[in-house]
Amino acid sequence: VAVVGNFYGYRQALVARLAMRGVPLALYGPPLPRWSDPALRGLHRGQYLVRDAKAQVFEGALAALNSTSLAEGDSLNCRAFEICGAGGLQLIEDKPSVATCFDPGAEVLTYATLDDIIVHLERARGDPGWADGVRAAGRARALAHHTYQHRLTRILAGL
């Protein structure tokens, strides 16, 4: 499972719990803070990903975990669109804003608990055809409705 971005407290706690449950993880982004859980240091690949490298990781991983800071509330980060646009199988927090952009369960996989993540991963491992269908549907939605070109056209139309 690919985890890309900054490793603030909540993301580290979530990733540490997944690691304790035996989930294979690959962490990418800036170096972990000095106060980080030492067990996570060995999972960090030492790479800050951009552009094609980031897309390749999202597409090549069993799944890509997308968690946000608790302060972000009911919002989506750009990673929500990057993961899908790259053809990644996205595990994203279950919040109302997700359904405004994607069809949960068909285009992205939402989670409210650690067990939800584990269930999604087990199904993806056991039924790659199903996982590939979710990936393809998420990618199609992202490319059809959520590119920068779509956003800029909408913004500029409002001026």
Protein backbone atom coordinates (compact mmCIF):
# COMPACT_ATOMS: atom_id res chain seq x y z
CA VAL A 1 0.00 0.00 0.00
CA ALA A 2 1.49 3.31 -1.08
CA VAL A 3 1.28 6.27 1.28
CA VAL A 4 2.49 9.52 -0.25
CA GLY A 5 2.84 12.91 1.45
CA ASN A 6 3.73 14.46 4.77
CA PHE A 7 3.67 12.27 7.84
CA TYR A 8 1.89 14.37 10.43
CA GLY A 9 0.64 12.75 13.63
CA TYR A 10 -2.68 11.32 12.42
CA ARG A 11 -1.20 9.79 9.26
CA GLN A 12 1.64 8.27 11.25
CA ALA A 13 -0.79 6.78 13.78
CA LEU A 14 -2.90 5.27 10.98
CA VAL A 15 0.12 3.90 9.12
CA ALA A 16 1.62 2.47 12.34
CA ARG A 17 -1.64 0.63 13.08
CA LEU A 18 -1.72 -0.78 9.54
CA ALA A 19 1.90 -1.92 9.90
CA MET A 20 1.05 -3.64 13.20
CA ARG A 21 -1.72 -5.50 11.34
CA GLY A 22 0.83 -6.79 8.81
CA VAL A 23 -0.14 -4.56 5.89
CA PRO A 24 2.83 -4.14 3.51
CA LEU A 25 3.48 -0.39 3.22
CA ALA A 26 5.67 1.86 1.12
CA LEU A 27 5.96 5.43 2.45
CA TYR A 28 7.02 8.31 0.21
CA GLY A 29 7.51 12.01 0.78
CA PRO A 30 9.75 14.29 2.76
CA PRO A 31 11.82 12.71 5.51
CA LEU A 32 9.85 11.65 8.55
CA PRO A 33 9.98 14.07 11.48
CA ARG A 34 12.48 13.33 14.25
CA TRP A 35 9.62 12.54 16.62
CA SER A 36 8.34 9.78 14.31
CA ASP A 37 7.74 6.21 15.36
CA PRO A 38 11.08 4.45 14.70
CA ALA A 39 9.20 1.44 13.28
CA LEU A 40 8.00 3.64 10.41
CA ARG A 41 11.47 4.79 9.40
CA GLY A 42 12.23 1.45 7.75
CA LEU A 43 9.07 1.73 5.66
CA HIS A 44 10.01 5.11 4.18
CA ARG A 45 11.54 4.76 0.71
CA GLY A 46 13.51 8.01 0.98
CA GLN A 47 11.87 9.47 -2.11
CA TYR A 48 9.81 12.59 -2.62
CA LEU A 49 7.62 11.70 -5.60
CA VAL A 50 6.49 14.04 -8.35
CA ARG A 51 4.86 13.73 -11.77
CA ASP A 52 5.41 10.40 -13.55
CA ALA A 53 7.14 8.75 -10.59
CA LYS A 54 4.15 9.53 -8.36
CA ALA A 55 1.70 8.26 -10.99
CA GLN A 56 3.70 5.04 -11.39
CA VAL A 57 3.61 4.39 -7.64
CA PHE A 58 -0.15 5.03 -7.46
CA GLU A 59 -0.84 2.77 -10.43
CA GLY A 60 1.60 0.03 -9.40
CA ALA A 61 0.61 -0.35 -5.75
CA LEU A 62 -2.10 -2.72 -4.58
CA ALA A 63 -3.78 0.46 -3.27
CA ALA A 64 -2.95 4.04 -2.36
CA LEU A 65 -4.00 5.35 1.05
CA ASN A 66 -5.35 8.89 1.13
CA SER A 67 -5.74 10.31 4.61
CA THR A 68 -6.03 13.97 5.48
CA SER A 69 -5.20 16.05 8.50
CA LEU A 70 -8.05 16.21 10.98
CA ALA A 71 -8.02 20.00 10.56
CA GLU A 72 -9.02 19.64 6.89
CA GLY A 73 -12.53 18.54 7.82
CA ASP A 74 -14.89 17.56 5.02
CA SER A 75 -12.67 18.40 2.06
CA LEU A 76 -10.74 16.58 -0.63
CA ASN A 77 -7.05 17.05 -1.27
CA CYS A 78 -5.45 17.03 -4.72
CA ARG A 79 -4.24 13.49 -4.03
CA ALA A 80 -7.87 12.31 -4.30
CA PHE A 81 -7.76 13.25 -7.98
CA GLU A 82 -4.12 12.29 -8.60
CA ILE A 83 -4.55 8.73 -7.37
CA CYS A 84 -7.61 8.11 -9.52
CA GLY A 85 -6.18 9.93 -12.53
CA ALA A 86 -3.11 7.68 -12.38
CA GLY A 87 -5.23 4.55 -12.23
CA GLY A 88 -4.60 3.85 -8.56
CA LEU A 89 -6.97 1.96 -6.28
CA GLN A 90 -7.76 4.70 -3.79
CA LEU A 91 -8.54 4.13 -0.11
CA ILE A 92 -9.98 7.44 1.05
CA GLU A 93 -11.59 8.59 4.27
CA ASP A 94 -15.36 8.26 4.30
CA LYS A 95 -16.69 11.80 4.34
CA PRO A 96 -19.55 13.50 2.48
CA SER A 97 -17.30 15.43 0.07
CA VAL A 98 -16.06 12.18 -1.50
CA ALA A 99 -19.51 11.43 -2.94
CA THR A 100 -19.66 14.87 -4.59
CA CYS A 101 -16.77 13.86 -6.87
CA PHE A 102 -16.66 10.04 -6.96
CA ASP A 103 -18.97 7.07 -6.53
CA PRO A 104 -17.81 5.41 -3.29
CA GLY A 105 -17.45 1.67 -3.71
CA ALA A 106 -17.39 1.90 -7.50
CA GLU A 107 -14.68 4.52 -8.21
CA VAL A 108 -12.94 4.85 -4.84
CA LEU A 109 -12.98 2.79 -1.66
CA THR A 110 -13.93 4.67 1.49
CA TYR A 111 -13.01 3.79 5.04
CA ALA A 112 -14.16 4.91 8.46
CA THR A 113 -12.15 2.37 10.45
CA LEU A 114 -8.93 0.44 10.22
CA ASP A 115 -10.97 -2.72 9.68
CA ASP A 116 -12.61 -1.12 6.62
CA ILE A 117 -9.16 -0.67 5.09
CA ILE A 118 -8.21 -4.28 5.85
CA VAL A 119 -11.44 -5.59 4.27
CA HIS A 120 -10.86 -3.54 1.11
CA LEU A 121 -7.26 -4.77 0.84
CA GLU A 122 -8.26 -8.41 1.33
CA ARG A 123 -10.89 -8.09 -1.38
CA ALA A 124 -8.44 -6.37 -3.75
CA ARG A 125 -5.90 -9.16 -3.21
CA GLY A 126 -8.52 -11.88 -3.62
CA ASP A 127 -10.36 -10.37 -6.58
CA PRO A 128 -7.96 -8.42 -8.81
CA GLY A 129 -10.64 -8.10 -11.51
CA TRP A 130 -12.89 -6.24 -9.10
CA ALA A 131 -9.99 -4.00 -8.01
CA ASP A 132 -9.09 -3.27 -11.62
CA GLY A 133 -12.70 -2.30 -12.29
CA VAL A 134 -12.67 0.20 -9.41
CA ARG A 135 -9.34 1.58 -10.65
CA ALA A 136 -10.66 1.98 -14.19
CA ALA A 137 -13.89 3.64 -13.07
CA GLY A 138 -12.03 6.07 -10.78
CA ARG A 139 -9.59 6.94 -13.55
CA ALA A 140 -12.39 7.49 -16.06
CA ARG A 141 -14.22 9.81 -13.63
CA ALA A 142 -11.07 11.78 -12.77
CA LEU A 143 -10.12 12.29 -16.39
CA ALA A 144 -13.67 13.10 -17.53
CA HIS A 145 -14.55 15.55 -14.75
CA HIS A 146 -11.64 16.47 -12.49
CA THR A 147 -8.60 17.61 -14.48
CA TYR A 148 -7.03 21.04 -14.06
CA GLN A 149 -8.49 21.95 -17.46
CA HIS A 150 -11.99 21.18 -16.16
CA ARG A 151 -11.42 23.22 -13.01
CA LEU A 152 -9.90 26.21 -14.79
CA THR A 153 -12.69 26.28 -17.37
CA ARG A 154 -15.27 26.31 -14.59
CA ILE A 155 -13.44 28.98 -12.59
CA LEU A 156 -12.91 31.24 -15.58
CA ALA A 157 -16.53 30.84 -16.67
CA GLY A 158 -17.56 32.34 -13.34
CA LEU A 159 -15.54 35.53 -13.82
